[in-house]
C-alpha atoms as a PDB file:
ATOM      1  CA  MET A   1      43.165  65.827 166.125  1.00  0.00           C
ATOM      2  CA  ALA A   2      41.333  67.163 163.107  1.00  0.00           C
ATOM      3  CA  SER A   3      41.043  70.554 164.619  1.00  0.00           C
ATOM      4  CA  THR A   4      44.737  70.495 165.398  1.00  0.00           C
ATOM      5  CA  ARG A   5      45.613  69.666 161.950  1.00  0.00           C
ATOM      6  CA  LYS A   6      43.444  72.392 160.555  1.00  0.00           C
ATOM      7  CA  GLU A   7      45.149  74.866 162.811  1.00  0.00           C
ATOM      8  CA  ASN A   8      48.518  73.688 161.657  1.00  0.00           C
ATOM      9  CA  SER A   9      47.508  73.767 157.967  1.00  0.00           C
ATOM     10  CA  ALA A  10      45.704  77.089 157.985  1.00  0.00           C
ATOM     11  CA  PRO A  11      48.901  79.147 158.884  1.00  0.00           C
ATOM     12  CA  SER A  12      50.819  77.457 156.097  1.00  0.00           C
ATOM     13  CA  LYS A  13      48.169  78.594 153.515  1.00  0.00           C
ATOM     14  CA  GLU A  14      48.304  82.148 154.704  1.00  0.00           C
ATOM     15  CA  ASP A  15      52.008  82.190 154.635  1.00  0.00           C
ATOM     16  CA  GLU A  16      52.097  80.726 151.073  1.00  0.00           C
ATOM     17  CA  ASN A  17      49.477  83.344 149.942  1.00  0.00           C
ATOM     18  CA  SER A  18      51.444  86.119 151.568  1.00  0.00           C
ATOM     19  CA  ASN A  19      54.742  84.783 149.998  1.00  0.00           C
ATOM     20  CA  VAL A  20      53.063  84.743 146.654  1.00  0.00           C
ATOM     21  CA  ASN A  21      51.710  88.276 147.009  1.00  0.00           C
ATOM     22  CA  MET A  22      55.214  89.540 148.127  1.00  0.00           C
ATOM     23  CA  ASN A  23      56.768  87.677 145.192  1.00  0.00           C
ATOM     24  CA  ILE A  24      54.328  89.335 142.762  1.00  0.00           C
ATOM     25  CA  ASN A  25      55.023  92.732 144.331  1.00  0.00           C
ATOM     26  CA  ASP A  26      58.765  92.219 144.228  1.00  0.00           C
ATOM     27  CA  ASN A  27      58.601  91.031 140.597  1.00  0.00           C
ATOM     28  CA  LYS A  28      56.323  94.102 139.468  1.00  0.00           C
ATOM     29  CA  ASN A  29      58.785  96.447 141.297  1.00  0.00           C
ATOM     30  CA  ASP A  30      61.769  94.853 139.713  1.00  0.00           C
ATOM     31  CA  THR A  31      60.156  94.784 136.227  1.00  0.00           C
ATOM     32  CA  ASP A  32      59.398  98.487 136.595  1.00  0.00           C
ATOM     33  CA  ALA A  33      62.895  99.303 137.578  1.00  0.00           C
ATOM     34  CA  ALA A  34      64.526  97.430 134.662  1.00  0.00           C
ATOM     35  CA  GLU A  35      66.568  99.737 132.601  1.00  0.00           C
ATOM     36  CA  THR A  36      68.828  97.399 130.768  1.00  0.00           C
ATOM     37  CA  ALA A  37      68.487  94.076 128.997  1.00  0.00           C
ATOM     38  CA  CYS A  38      70.916  92.322 131.327  1.00  0.00           C
ATOM     39  CA  ALA A  39      68.978  93.235 134.445  1.00  0.00           C
ATOM     40  CA  LEU A  40      65.758  92.015 132.958  1.00  0.00           C
ATOM     41  CA  GLU A  41      67.229  88.709 131.776  1.00  0.00           C
ATOM     42  CA  ARG A  42      68.429  88.066 135.368  1.00  0.00           C
ATOM     43  CA  LYS A  43      64.999  88.841 136.688  1.00  0.00           C
ATOM     44  CA  ARG A  44      63.284  86.467 134.229  1.00  0.00           C
ATOM     45  CA  LYS A  45      65.693  83.821 135.102  1.00  0.00           C
ATOM     46  CA  ALA A  46      65.068  84.373 138.931  1.00  0.00           C
ATOM     47  CA  SER A  47      61.393  84.341 138.225  1.00  0.00           C
ATOM     48  CA  ALA A  48      61.585  81.099 136.387  1.00  0.00           C
ATOM     49  CA  GLN A  49      63.874  79.684 139.264  1.00  0.00           C
ATOM     50  CA  SER A  50      61.343  80.872 141.924  1.00  0.00           C
ATOM     51  CA  MET A  51      58.468  79.192 139.919  1.00  0.00           C
ATOM     52  CA  SER A  52      60.417  75.962 139.647  1.00  0.00           C
ATOM     53  CA  GLU A  53      61.157  76.143 143.306  1.00  0.00           C
ATOM     54  CA  CYS A  54      57.459  76.746 144.068  1.00  0.00           C
ATOM     55  CA  ASP A  55      56.475  73.685 141.933  1.00  0.00           C
ATOM     56  CA  THR A  56      59.054  71.755 143.837  1.00  0.00           C
ATOM     57  CA  SER A  57      57.870  72.816 147.169  1.00  0.00           C
ATOM     58  CA  VAL A  58      54.197  71.934 145.967  1.00  0.00           C
ATOM     59  CA  ASN A  59      55.373  68.535 144.904  1.00  0.00           C
ATOM     60  CA  GLU A  60      57.090  67.966 148.019  1.00  0.00           C
ATOM     61  CA  GLU A  61      54.077  69.132 150.150  1.00  0.00           C
ATOM     62  CA  ASN A  62      51.976  66.709 147.987  1.00  0.00           C
ATOM     63  CA  VAL A  63      54.394  63.983 148.701  1.00  0.00           C
ATOM     64  CA  ASP A  64      54.357  64.843 152.358  1.00  0.00           C
ATOM     65  CA  ASN A  65      50.534  64.861 152.384  1.00  0.00           C
ATOM     66  CA  LYS A  66      50.436  61.579 150.659  1.00  0.00           C
ATOM     67  CA  ARG A  67      52.807  60.163 153.151  1.00  0.00           C
ATOM     68  CA  GLU A  68      50.744  61.574 156.108  1.00  0.00           C
ATOM     69  CA  SER A  69      47.545  60.404 154.370  1.00  0.00           C
ATOM     70  CA  ASN A  70      49.234  56.964 154.146  1.00  0.00           C
ATOM     71  CA  LYS A  71      50.210  57.114 157.734  1.00  0.00           C
ATOM     72  CA  LYS A  72      46.679  58.232 158.595  1.00  0.00           C
ATOM     73  CA  THR A  73      45.292  55.342 156.632  1.00  0.00           C
ATOM     74  CA  THR A  74      47.558  52.962 158.260  1.00  0.00           C
ATOM     75  CA  GLN A  75      46.591  54.464 161.663  1.00  0.00           C
ATOM     76  CA  LYS A  76      42.980  54.188 160.740  1.00  0.00           C
ATOM     77  CA  LYS A  77      43.229  50.596 159.899  1.00  0.00           C
ATOM     78  CA  LYS A  78      44.927  49.948 163.162  1.00  0.00           C
ATOM     79  CA  LYS A  79      42.368  52.020 165.233  1.00  0.00           C
ATOM     80  CA  PRO A  80      39.107  50.697 166.459  1.00  0.00           C
ATOM     81  CA  LYS A  81      35.886  51.204 164.888  1.00  0.00           C
ATOM     82  CA  GLY A  82      34.963  53.935 167.212  1.00  0.00           C
ATOM     83  CA  GLU A  83      37.423  56.476 165.602  1.00  0.00           C
ATOM     84  CA  LEU A  84      35.959  56.119 161.929  1.00  0.00           C
ATOM     85  CA  ASN A  85      34.381  59.532 162.216  1.00  0.00           C
ATOM     86  CA  ASP A  86      37.857  61.061 163.028  1.00  0.00           C
ATOM     87  CA  ILE A  87      39.309  59.240 159.868  1.00  0.00           C
ATOM     88  CA  SER A  88      36.551  60.524 157.617  1.00  0.00           C
ATOM     89  CA  GLU A  89      37.276  64.095 158.928  1.00  0.00           C
ATOM     90  CA  ASP A  90      41.023  63.685 158.275  1.00  0.00           C
ATOM     91  CA  GLU A  91      40.297  62.615 154.593  1.00  0.00           C
ATOM     92  CA  ALA A  92      38.190  65.664 154.085  1.00  0.00           C
ATOM     93  CA  ASP A  93      40.878  67.881 155.486  1.00  0.00           C
ATOM     94  CA  GLY A  94      43.360  66.194 153.001  1.00  0.00           C
ATOM     95  CA  LYS A  95      41.174  66.875 150.040  1.00  0.00           C
ATOM     96  CA  ASN A  96      40.610  70.553 151.210  1.00  0.00           C
ATOM     97  CA  ILE A  97      44.544  70.909 151.291  1.00  0.00           C
ATOM     98  CA  GLN A  98      44.852  69.361 147.837  1.00  0.00           C
ATOM     99  CA  SER A  99      42.247  71.768 146.478  1.00  0.00           C
ATOM    100  CA  GLN A 100      44.064  74.679 148.088  1.00  0.00           C
ATOM    101  CA  LEU A 101      47.329  73.610 146.582  1.00  0.00           C
ATOM    102  CA  ARG A 102      45.791  73.303 143.153  1.00  0.00           C
ATOM    103  CA  GLU A 103      44.430  76.779 143.610  1.00  0.00           C
ATOM    104  CA  LEU A 104      47.909  78.073 144.667  1.00  0.00           C
ATOM    105  CA  ASN A 105      49.476  76.341 141.654  1.00  0.00           C
ATOM    106  CA  SER A 106      46.922  78.022 139.383  1.00  0.00           C
ATOM    107  CA  ARG A 107      47.797  81.380 140.888  1.00  0.00           C
ATOM    108  CA  LEU A 108      51.526  80.746 140.519  1.00  0.00           C
ATOM    109  CA  ASN A 109      50.819  79.921 136.773  1.00  0.00           C
ATOM    110  CA  THR A 110      48.976  83.183 136.684  1.00  0.00           C
ATOM    111  CA  VAL A 111      51.853  85.022 138.215  1.00  0.00           C
ATOM    112  CA  VAL A 112      54.271  83.503 135.753  1.00  0.00           C
ATOM    113  CA  ASP A 113      52.147  84.627 132.776  1.00  0.00           C
ATOM    114  CA  THR A 114      51.925  88.122 134.300  1.00  0.00           C
ATOM    115  CA  ILE A 115      55.620  88.281 134.768  1.00  0.00           C
ATOM    116  CA  GLU A 116      56.243  87.008 131.140  1.00  0.00           C
ATOM    117  CA  LYS A 117      53.834  89.712 129.926  1.00  0.00           C
ATOM    118  CA  ILE A 118      55.606  92.330 132.000  1.00  0.00           C
ATOM    119  CA  ALA A 119      58.898  91.128 130.616  1.00  0.00           C
ATOM    120  CA  SER A 120      57.551  91.335 127.064  1.00  0.00           C
ATOM    121  CA  ASN A 121      56.271  94.820 127.713  1.00  0.00           C
ATOM    122  CA  SER A 122      59.510  95.760 129.364  1.00  0.00           C
ATOM    123  CA  SER A 123      61.424  94.549 126.242  1.00  0.00           C
ATOM    124  CA  ARG A 124      59.572  97.070 124.146  1.00  0.00           C
ATOM    125  CA  GLU A 125      60.138  99.695 126.732  1.00  0.00           C
ATOM    126  CA  LEU A 126      63.615  98.695 126.983  1.00  0.00           C
ATOM    127  CA  ARG A 127      64.107  98.865 123.125  1.00  0.00           C
ATOM    128  CA  GLU A 128      62.585 102.382 123.221  1.00  0.00           C
ATOM    129  CA  THR A 129      64.973 103.264 126.117  1.00  0.00           C
ATOM    130  CA  MET A 130      67.965 101.869 124.243  1.00  0.00           C
ATOM    131  CA  LYS A 131      66.838 103.765 121.110  1.00  0.00           C
ATOM    132  CA  SER A 132      66.694 106.936 123.102  1.00  0.00           C
ATOM    133  CA  ILE A 133      70.051 106.265 124.720  1.00  0.00           C
ATOM    134  CA  LEU A 134      71.539 105.476 121.392  1.00  0.00           C
ATOM    135  CA  SER A 135      69.952 108.627 119.811  1.00  0.00           C
ATOM    136  CA  GLU A 136      71.384 110.773 122.738  1.00  0.00           C
ATOM    137  CA  MET A 137      74.889 108.873 122.309  1.00  0.00           C
ATOM    138  CA  LYS A 138      74.654 109.488 118.493  1.00  0.00           C
ATOM    139  CA  ASP A 139      73.856 113.189 119.063  1.00  0.00           C
ATOM    140  CA  SER A 140      76.646 113.468 121.664  1.00  0.00           C
ATOM    141  CA  LEU A 141      79.047 111.705 119.369  1.00  0.00           C
ATOM    142  CA  LEU A 142      78.032 113.732 116.405  1.00  0.00           C
ATOM    143  CA  GLU A 143      78.421 116.885 118.493  1.00  0.00           C
ATOM    144  CA  SER A 144      81.843 115.805 119.630  1.00  0.00           C
ATOM    145  CA  VAL A 145      82.957 114.841 116.082  1.00  0.00           C
ATOM    146  CA  SER A 146      81.569 118.032 114.715  1.00  0.00           C
ATOM    147  CA  HIS A 147      83.325 120.136 117.431  1.00  0.00           C
ATOM    148  CA  ARG A 148      86.549 118.100 116.590  1.00  0.00           C
ATOM    149  CA  ILE A 149      86.103 118.763 112.891  1.00  0.00           C
ATOM    150  CA  GLU A 150      85.540 122.435 113.532  1.00  0.00           C
ATOM    151  CA  ILE A 151      88.791 122.464 115.371  1.00  0.00           C
ATOM    152  CA  LEU A 152      90.626 120.679 112.655  1.00  0.00           C
ATOM    153  CA  GLU A 153      89.124 122.839 110.030  1.00  0.00           C
ATOM    154  CA  GLY A 154      90.351 125.837 112.067  1.00  0.00           C
ATOM    155  CA  LYS A 155      93.739 124.284 112.324  1.00  0.00           C
ATOM    156  CA  LEU A 156      93.661 123.500 108.613  1.00  0.00           C
ATOM    157  CA  PHE A 157      92.546 127.092 107.861  1.00  0.00           C
ATOM    158  CA  ASP A 158      95.400 128.532 109.896  1.00  0.00           C
ATOM    159  CA  LYS A 159      97.732 126.119 108.013  1.00  0.00           C
ATOM    160  CA  ASP A 160      96.308 127.240 104.772  1.00  0.00           C
ATOM    161  CA  GLU A 161      96.884 130.753 105.813  1.00  0.00           C
ATOM    162  CA  GLU A 162     100.343 130.037 106.614  1.00  0.00           C
ATOM    163  CA  THR A 163     100.965 128.126 103.416  1.00  0.00           C
ATOM    164  CA  ASP A 164      99.532 130.947 101.362  1.00  0.00           C
ATOM    165  CA  LYS A 165     101.872 133.272 103.236  1.00  0.00           C
ATOM    166  CA  LEU A 166     104.802 131.122 102.544  1.00  0.00           C
ATOM    167  CA  THR A 167     103.713 130.682  98.901  1.00  0.00           C
ATOM    168  CA  ASN A 168     103.405 134.420  98.428  1.00  0.00           C
ATOM    169  CA  ARG A 169     106.857 134.868 100.278  1.00  0.00           C
ATOM    170  CA  ILE A 170     108.265 132.226  98.006  1.00  0.00           C
ATOM    171  CA  GLN A 171     106.826 133.940  94.894  1.00  0.00           C
ATOM    172  CA  THR A 172     108.172 137.237  96.003  1.00  0.00           C
ATOM    173  CA  LEU A 173     111.570 135.693  96.658  1.00  0.00           C
ATOM    174  CA  GLU A 174     111.460 134.031  93.266  1.00  0.00           C
ATOM    175  CA  LYS A 175     110.656 137.344  91.644  1.00  0.00           C
ATOM    176  CA  GLU A 176     113.435 138.918  93.450  1.00  0.00           C
ATOM    177  CA  ILE A 177     115.812 136.241  92.567  1.00  0.00           C
ATOM    178  CA  GLU A 178     114.724 136.456  89.023  1.00  0.00           C
ATOM    179  CA  ALA A 179     115.287 140.313  89.143  1.00  0.00           C
ATOM    180  CA  VAL A 180     118.715 139.830  90.722  1.00  0.00           C
ATOM    181  CA  LYS A 181     119.524 137.201  87.956  1.00  0.00           C
ATOM    182  CA  GLU A 182     118.426 139.589  85.230  1.00  0.00           C
ATOM    183  CA  GLU A 183     120.390 142.354  86.820  1.00  0.00           C
ATOM    184  CA  ARG A 184     123.399 140.159  86.964  1.00  0.00           C
ATOM    185  CA  GLN A 185     122.993 139.211  83.319  1.00  0.00           C
ATOM    186  CA  GLN A 186     122.618 142.847  82.407  1.00  0.00           C
ATOM    187  CA  VAL A 187     125.729 143.613  84.510  1.00  0.00           C
ATOM    188  CA  ALA A 188     127.524 140.659  82.896  1.00  0.00           C
ATOM    189  CA  ARG A 189     126.459 141.830  79.391  1.00  0.00           C
ATOM    190  CA  TYR A 190     127.571 145.375  80.309  1.00  0.00           C
ATOM    191  CA  ALA A 191     130.772 144.197  81.652  1.00  0.00           C
ATOM    192  CA  ASP A 192     131.284 141.959  78.475  1.00  0.00           C
ATOM    193  CA  ASP A 193     130.609 144.985  76.403  1.00  0.00           C
ATOM    194  CA  MET A 194     132.815 147.241  78.302  1.00  0.00           C
ATOM    195  CA  GLN A 195     135.524 144.633  78.166  1.00  0.00           C
ATOM    196  CA  TYR A 196     135.177 144.305  74.440  1.00  0.00           C
ATOM    197  CA  ARG A 197     135.239 148.065  73.883  1.00  0.00           C
ATOM    198  CA  LEU A 198     138.195 148.321  76.215  1.00  0.00           C
ATOM    199  CA  ASP A 199     140.025 145.554  74.338  1.00  0.00           C
ATOM    200  CA  LYS A 200     139.275 147.145  71.016  1.00  0.00           C
ATOM    201  CA  SER A 201     140.317 150.463  72.240  1.00  0.00           C
ATOM    202  CA  LEU A 202     143.566 149.150  73.629  1.00  0.00           C
ATOM    203  CA  ASN A 203     144.368 147.282  70.419  1.00  0.00           C
ATOM    204  CA  GLU A 204     143.605 150.285  68.428  1.00  0.00           C
ATOM    205  CA  ALA A 205     145.632 152.442  70.659  1.00  0.00           C
ATOM    206  CA  GLU A 206     148.601 150.114  70.467  1.00  0.00           C
ATOM    207  CA  GLN A 207     148.335 149.759  66.736  1.00  0.00           C
ATOM    208  CA  TYR A 208     148.210 153.427  66.482  1.00  0.00           C
ATOM    209  CA  SER A 209     151.367 153.839  68.294  1.00  0.00           C
ATOM    210  CA  ARG A 210     153.014 151.415  65.837  1.00  0.00           C
ATOM    211  CA  LEU A 211     152.043 153.314  62.672  1.00  0.00           C
ATOM    212  CA  ASN A 212     155.589 154.798  62.367  1.00  0.00           C
ATOM    213  CA  ASN A 213     157.166 151.324  62.699  1.00  0.00           C
ATOM    214  CA  ILE A 214     158.477 148.803  60.186  1.00  0.00           C
ATOM    215  CA  ARG A 215     159.305 145.215  61.000  1.00  0.00           C
ATOM    216  CA  VAL A 216     162.435 144.082  59.016  1.00  0.00           C
ATOM    217  CA  ARG A 217     163.048 140.395  58.495  1.00  0.00           C
ATOM    218  CA  GLY A 218     166.261 138.757  56.881  1.00  0.00           C
ATOM    219  CA  VAL A 219     168.940 141.189  57.905  1.00  0.00           C
ATOM    220  CA  GLU A 220     172.194 139.328  58.726  1.00  0.00           C
ATOM    221  CA  ASP A 221     172.556 138.763  62.475  1.00  0.00           C
ATOM    222  CA  THR A 222     176.098 137.667  63.404  1.00  0.00           C
ATOM    223  CA  ASN A 223     176.515 139.522  66.694  1.00  0.00           C
ATOM    224  CA  SER A 224     174.239 138.577  69.516  1.00  0.00           C
ATOM    225  CA  LYS A 225     175.313 141.650  71.326  1.00  0.00           C
ATOM    226  CA  GLU A 226     174.535 143.981  68.630  1.00  0.00           C
ATOM    227  CA  THR A 227     173.616 147.484  69.921  1.00  0.00           C
ATOM    228  CA  PRO A 228     170.686 149.730  68.648  1.00  0.00           C
ATOM    229  CA  LYS A 229     173.322 152.106  67.114  1.00  0.00           C
ATOM    230  CA  GLU A 230     174.775 149.346  65.034  1.00  0.00           C
ATOM    231  CA  THR A 231     171.318 148.048  64.091  1.00  0.00           C
ATOM    232  CA  THR A 232     170.357 151.687  63.015  1.00  0.00           C
ATOM    233  CA  LYS A 233     173.567 151.840  60.731  1.00  0.00           C
ATOM    234  CA  LYS A 234     172.646 148.502  59.157  1.00  0.00           C
ATOM    235  CA  ILE A 235     169.007 149.770  58.363  1.00  0.00           C
ATOM    236  CA  ILE A 236     170.356 153.134  56.927  1.00  0.00           C
ATOM    237  CA  ASP A 237     172.785 151.264  54.620  1.00  0.00           C
ATOM    238  CA  LEU A 238     170.007 148.949  53.471  1.00  0.00           C
ATOM    239  CA  ILE A 239     167.557 151.825  52.502  1.00  0.00           C
ATOM    240  CA  GLU A 240     170.245 153.896  50.846  1.00  0.00           C
ATOM    241  CA  GLN A 241     171.840 151.170  48.985  1.00  0.00           C
ATOM    242  CA  LYS A 242     169.134 148.783  48.096  1.00  0.00           C
ATOM    243  CA  MET A 243     166.151 151.052  47.982  1.00  0.00           C
ATOM    244  CA  LYS A 244     167.798 154.210  46.766  1.00  0.00           C
ATOM    245  CA  ILE A 245     166.287 156.444  49.306  1.00  0.00           C
ATOM    246  CA  GLU A 246     168.298 159.108  51.201  1.00  0.00           C
ATOM    247  CA  ILE A 247     167.762 159.011  54.822  1.00  0.00           C
ATOM    248  CA  ASP A 248     169.706 160.648  57.822  1.00  0.00           C
ATOM    249  CA  SER A 249     170.245 158.909  61.078  1.00  0.00           C
ATOM    250  CA  THR A 250     168.109 161.540  62.787  1.00  0.00           C
ATOM    251  CA  GLU A 251     165.022 160.447  60.817  1.00  0.00           C
ATOM    252  CA  ILE A 252     165.110 157.067  62.674  1.00  0.00           C
ATOM    253  CA  ASP A 253     164.039 157.268  66.223  1.00  0.00           C
ATOM    254  CA  ILE A 254     165.196 153.757  67.197  1.00  0.00           C
ATOM    255  CA  ALA A 255     166.039 150.535  65.667  1.00  0.00           C
ATOM    256  CA  HIS A 256     166.592 147.154  67.852  1.00  0.00           C
ATOM    257  CA  ARG A 257     166.531 143.558  67.484  1.00  0.00           C
ATOM    258  CA  LEU A 258     163.732 141.268  68.836  1.00  0.00           C
ATOM    259  CA  LYS A 259     164.530 138.280  71.009  1.00  0.00           C
ATOM    260  CA  LYS A 260     162.998 135.572  68.770  1.00  0.00           C
ATOM    261  CA  ARG A 261     165.019 134.249  65.919  1.00  0.00           C
ATOM    262  CA  VAL A 262     163.397 133.461  62.540  1.00  0.00           C
ATOM    263  CA  ARG A 263     165.322 131.479  60.147  1.00  0.00           C
ATOM    264  CA  GLY A 264     168.513 132.210  62.124  1.00  0.00           C
ATOM    265  CA  ASN A 265     168.124 135.886  62.290  1.00  0.00           C
ATOM    266  CA  ARG A 266     166.245 138.119  64.709  1.00  0.00           C
ATOM    267  CA  ASP A 267     163.723 140.625  63.217  1.00  0.00           C
ATOM    268  CA  ILE A 268     164.342 144.348  63.559  1.00  0.00           C
ATOM    269  CA  ILE A 269     161.753 146.967  64.741  1.00  0.00           C
ATOM    270  CA  VAL A 270     162.516 150.376  63.171  1.00  0.00           C
ATOM    271  CA  ARG A 271     160.705 153.519  64.318  1.00  0.00           C
ATOM    272  CA  PHE A 272     160.762 156.481  62.058  1.00  0.00           C
ATOM    273  CA  THR A 273     160.361 160.034  63.129  1.00  0.00           C
ATOM    274  CA  SER A 274     158.301 160.786  60.015  1.00  0.00           C
ATOM    275  CA  ARG A 275     155.304 158.694  59.051  1.00  0.00           C
ATOM    276  CA  MET A 276     155.631 159.920  55.529  1.00  0.00           C
ATOM    277  CA  LEU A 277     159.205 158.623  55.307  1.00  0.00           C
ATOM    278  CA  ARG A 278     158.019 155.419  56.779  1.00  0.00           C
ATOM    279  CA  ASP A 279     155.257 155.207  54.080  1.00  0.00           C
ATOM    280  CA  ASP A 280     157.829 156.043  51.358  1.00  0.00           C
ATOM    281  CA  VAL A 281     159.994 153.191  52.400  1.00  0.00           C
ATOM    282  CA  MET A 282     157.101 150.652  52.577  1.00  0.00           C
ATOM    283  CA  ARG A 283     155.977 151.628  49.023  1.00  0.00           C
ATOM    284  CA  SER A 284     159.589 150.876  47.836  1.00  0.00           C
ATOM    285  CA  LYS A 285     159.858 147.432  49.503  1.00  0.00           C
ATOM    286  CA  LYS A 286     159.542 145.706  46.044  1.00  0.00           C
ATOM    287  CA  MET A 287     162.999 146.727  45.396  1.00  0.00           C
ATOM    288  CA  LEU A 288     164.219 144.363  47.973  1.00  0.00           C
ATOM    289  CA  LYS A 289     162.919 141.375  45.923  1.00  0.00           C
ATOM    290  CA  GLY A 290     165.589 138.694  45.729  1.00  0.00           C
ATOM    291  CA  THR A 291     167.753 140.057  48.556  1.00  0.00           C
ATOM    292  CA  GLY A 292     166.102 137.805  51.263  1.00  0.00           C
ATOM    293  CA  VAL A 293     165.056 140.909  53.081  1.00  0.00           C
ATOM    294  CA  TYR A 294     161.452 141.570  53.790  1.00  0.00           C
ATOM    295  CA  LEU A 295     159.517 144.716  55.145  1.00  0.00           C
ATOM    296  CA  HIS A 296     156.257 144.292  57.133  1.00  0.00           C
ATOM    297  CA  ASP A 297     153.954 146.491  58.947  1.00  0.00           C
ATOM    298  CA  ASP A 298     154.396 146.302  62.777  1.00  0.00           C
ATOM    299  CA  LEU A 299     151.193 144.869  63.974  1.00  0.00           C
ATOM    300  CA  THR A 300     149.870 144.077  67.549  1.00  0.00           C
ATOM    301  CA  THR A 301     149.770 140.423  68.480  1.00  0.00           C
ATOM    302  CA  LEU A 302     145.945 140.271  67.842  1.00  0.00           C
ATOM    303  CA  ASN A 303     146.158 142.087  64.432  1.00  0.00           C
ATOM    304  CA  GLN A 304     149.116 139.868  63.365  1.00  0.00           C
ATOM    305  CA  ALA A 305     146.976 136.766  64.325  1.00  0.00           C
ATOM    306  CA  VAL A 306     144.175 138.135  62.141  1.00  0.00           C
ATOM    307  CA  TYR A 307     146.444 138.986  59.263  1.00  0.00           C
ATOM    308  CA  ASP A 308     147.868 135.558  59.191  1.00  0.00           C
ATOM    309  CA  SER A 309     144.395 133.943  59.463  1.00  0.00           C
ATOM    310  CA  VAL A 310     143.127 135.926  56.551  1.00  0.00           C
ATOM    311  CA  ARG A 311     146.136 135.206  54.383  1.00  0.00           C
ATOM    312  CA  LEU A 312     146.325 131.477  55.104  1.00  0.00           C
ATOM    313  CA  LYS A 313     143.042 129.996  56.233  1.00  0.00           C
ATOM    314  CA  LYS A 314     140.862 130.831  53.152  1.00  0.00           C
ATOM    315  CA  ARG A 315     143.080 130.767  50.176  1.00  0.00           C
ATOM    316  CA  ASP A 316     140.204 129.681  48.044  1.00  0.00           C
ATOM    317  CA  GLU A 317     138.496 133.015  48.738  1.00  0.00           C
ATOM    318  CA  VAL A 318     141.401 135.397  49.589  1.00  0.00           C
ATOM    319  CA  LYS A 319     143.635 136.487  46.746  1.00  0.00           C
ATOM    320  CA  ASP A 320     145.771 139.189  48.502  1.00  0.00           C
ATOM    321  CA  VAL A 321     146.163 140.634  51.901  1.00  0.00           C
ATOM    322  CA  TRP A 322     147.739 143.931  53.005  1.00  0.00           C
ATOM    323  CA  VAL A 323     147.858 146.570  55.777  1.00  0.00           C
ATOM    324  CA  ARG A 324     147.092 150.301  55.309  1.00  0.00           C
ATOM    325  CA  GLY A 325     147.103 152.601  58.299  1.00  0.00           C
ATOM    326  CA  GLY A 326     146.988 149.785  60.898  1.00  0.00           C
ATOM    327  CA  ASN A 327     143.761 148.330  58.981  1.00  0.00           C
ATOM    328  CA  ILE A 328     143.862 144.882  57.455  1.00  0.00           C
ATOM    329  CA  LEU A 329     142.380 144.567  53.799  1.00  0.00           C
ATOM    330  CA  TYR A 330     142.153 141.669  51.500  1.00  0.00           C
ATOM    331  CA  ARG A 331     141.072 141.072  47.804  1.00  0.00           C
ATOM    332  CA  SER A 332     138.906 138.194  46.913  1.00  0.00           C
ATOM    333  CA  HIS A 333     139.423 136.187  43.706  1.00  0.00           C
ATOM    334  CA  ALA A 334     136.431 138.279  42.366  1.00  0.00           C
ATOM    335  CA  ASP A 335     138.686 141.358  42.887  1.00  0.00           C
ATOM    336  CA  VAL A 336     136.407 142.645  45.777  1.00  0.00           C
ATOM    337  CA  VAL A 337     138.350 144.561  48.464  1.00  0.00           C
ATOM    338  CA  LYS A 338     137.215 144.302  51.878  1.00  0.00           C
ATOM    339  CA  MET A 339     138.387 145.567  55.288  1.00  0.00           C
ATOM    340  CA  VAL A 340     138.534 143.321  58.297  1.00  0.00           C
ATOM    341  CA  THR A 341     136.917 145.086  61.253  1.00  0.00           C
ATOM    342  CA  TYR A 342     137.560 144.397  64.813  1.00  0.00           C
ATOM    343  CA  ASP A 343     133.969 142.683  65.055  1.00  0.00           C
ATOM    344  CA  ASP A 344     135.184 140.109  62.378  1.00  0.00           C
ATOM    345  CA  TYR A 345     138.615 139.468  64.137  1.00  0.00           C
ATOM    346  CA  PHE A 346     137.380 136.559  66.170  1.00  0.00           C
ATOM    347  CA  TYR A 347     135.651 134.964  63.219  1.00  0.00           C
ATOM    348  CA  TRP A 348     138.997 134.767  61.456  1.00  0.00           C
ATOM    349  CA  THR A 349     140.986 133.513  64.510  1.00  0.00           C
ATOM    350  CA  ASP A 350     138.415 130.942  65.229  1.00  0.00           C
ATOM    351  CA  LEU A 351     138.811 129.314  61.761  1.00  0.00           C
ATOM    352  CA  PRO A 352     140.715 126.085  61.769  1.00  0.00           C
ATOM    353  CA  TRP A 353     144.280 126.203  60.235  1.00  0.00           C
ATOM    354  CA  PRO A 354     144.689 124.474  56.935  1.00  0.00           C
ATOM    355  CA  ASN A 355     146.617 121.159  56.797  1.00  0.00           C
ATOM    356  CA  LYS A 356     150.186 121.573  55.780  1.00  0.00           C
END
């Protein structure tokens, strides 16, 4: 029986040793192949679990051995004295198994220490590997970011070029606009100047055409259908009777009434054929004083407005006003005679009228 038990126990030791060696080789191969922290952690957990399983199996085998030894002890107590030698051999075999189990446990502890050392070394290697991976990732990321930045810089450079072109174009257009504005202002100034000159020339031409004329105010106007011939007869009678100047009807080109009535009578425009005769009549107008008839120069609308402005708007400065050759002159209270030029016309017309 002892030999049978030895044969039965011997294979179990070899199997256990082979299993331990296989576990060691597997653990070494696994630790060498560890590339990530997660795989290493799983292997450590698996190693710890396998160690706990080994301890458990050892304990179970110890319990089984104790049970078998108890059974054998019981059987030895029941057997006859002739079998005492066999019992002593069985006890020796049990002690031998216990010593082998202790040795196995010691080896397993050594394996655990070795695995832990490998795990510790692998952690350093893993850190180095992770550092290398992170460095590669960093370089790759930096390269990618640098490439992206270069692309963006290129786009920004293109945008800057477009912006510069647009800015230059805008500046060119602004200069062109300013040039057009300046040109328009010059044209406007030129047009204003031309209009000014044209208005001045037209006013002077119109006034020149009226140099042979006299405006007569205050002649009785009883016939609304009075003809120019009848008006001419009245003017000849006035000049000859009141002013004592001999005049022929042929020396009057035309005499006619105006439409507007002043103090109930319409003014009369008389055109003489001779300017000298006309001037003689105007110099003798003082002889009509007290008759209610007044002689005036025939002025254009603008010149009449200026004449009235000079005569009425600054009485504290202007003493007297008259017209000579179509020009307006005035004498100040300091007895200074001045002629009103066309450039001064709008100064006088823009002055406010005095309160009545």
